[in-house]
Amino acid sequence: MNKELIESLSILEREKGISKDVLFDAIENSLLTACKNHFGKADTENIKVEIDRETGDFKVFVEKTVVETAEEVTDPMMFITLEDAVKIAKKAKVGDLIKVEVKSKEFGRIATQNAKNVILQKIREEERNVIYNQFHAKEKDIVTGVVQHYFQKNLSINLGKADAILNESEMVKGEHFRPSDRIKVYVLEVKSTSKGPRILVSRTHPDFVKRLFEEEVGEIKDGTVEIMSIAREPGSRTKMAVYSHNPSVDPVGACVGVNGVRVNAIVDELGGEKIDIINWDENPGNLIQNALSPAQTVAVFADPDEKSAKVVVPDDQLSLAIGKEGQNARLAAKLTGYKIDIKSETQAVDAVGFRYSDYLDDEEEYYEGEEYYDENGEYIEPVEETNEEPEE
């Protein structure tokens, strides 16, 4: 019987991830509860249980104080006569504490059932704790699950030992799944409840794309390439700025992969969502210029203090820079953290506050903040327009 107990505990530990020590503690508590119920002494502290963790042998006993005569035994659960004590321990004397073993077979059916319930309850609690800890460690990460069914427009996804909830608000518009489909999801939050962990997942979170790239691109996983910023409109388009800590590694090329194999794998996972990958730049003007890709820019006037920028683009690039329904400009603003005002060259000439007439049309000059600098960082005085005739 004890051998079977040890084997059963080993199986529970292996399959449920519940420590044997925790299970032994549960058995001890159940035997203690059964003993107290048997004797009707729920508040008695002198009832003890000992279990050998190696063999499974256990004993239930009561610690009793040895007294001289039967008249002094005011409570049979607390005291024992010297005459009875020496039958258990030959060297017992008055005032000693001796252990009197209680046979668990004597416990009644109700006490035994209560003991069983204590063990089962503890197993359920520990199983919930193990699952909670397992998935709590995966919070803000990606897991793969199997679609089960829709309920109230939400989706139930089986993650193995637990089910997750993909709320309608966290689904990409237009995505539809069937039962048994395997999908990847981003773990938003794991809550501990009386019924087990409640796991909320998402497929719309910007970090979902970030984690997909971390899984797919070895250079991101090992820290060579870092994702500095990401902006996303789920199901439509994502912009991502990357930076390489190794000058010999092209961050954009690493993310795209040979013949686009890496980025295409992620696009497929996202159901065809477009992904723009750009180079991160500490210079806000350069970063904004990159962020507006694929549109070309003529000039970028960035104000780091105000977190705003004025951008001039060729007349034929205005619609491309703004994008369909303003998407390209909107994502560029989210990616850079700047409020971006875009105008064509024709519009910028007469636009109030643009100072485009001050801009020197030279490829070696750029604008940073509210000052002009050349490629060597030397300050350039703005050129003021004048109608005066040049001196001969």
Foldseek 3Di string as FASTA:
>chain_A
DQVVVLVVLVVCCVPLVFDSVLLVVLLQVLLVQLVCVQVVNNPDPQWGKDADNPRRDIWIWGWEFEDDDPVPCPDVRHHDYPVVVCVVPVPDDGGDIDIGTDDSVPGDPVSNVSSVVSSVVSSVVRSLVVVLVVVQVQAQAKAKWFWADDDPCWTWTHRDSDIAIEHNVQEFPPDDDDGRDIAMWHFHDWDQDPNHIYTYTHDFDQSNLVNLLCVQFVCCVVPQKDFPFKFDDQPAEIETEMEGPDPVDDNVDRCQDDVRPNVVVSCVSSVNHYYHYFYDDPQLFVLLQRLLPPFHWQAWAAAPVQLEIETEGAPVRQCSSCDDVRVSVVNSCRGSVHHYHYDYPVCLVPDPPSVVVQDDRDPQWHHGNPFIAGVVRDGDDGDDDDPDDDDD
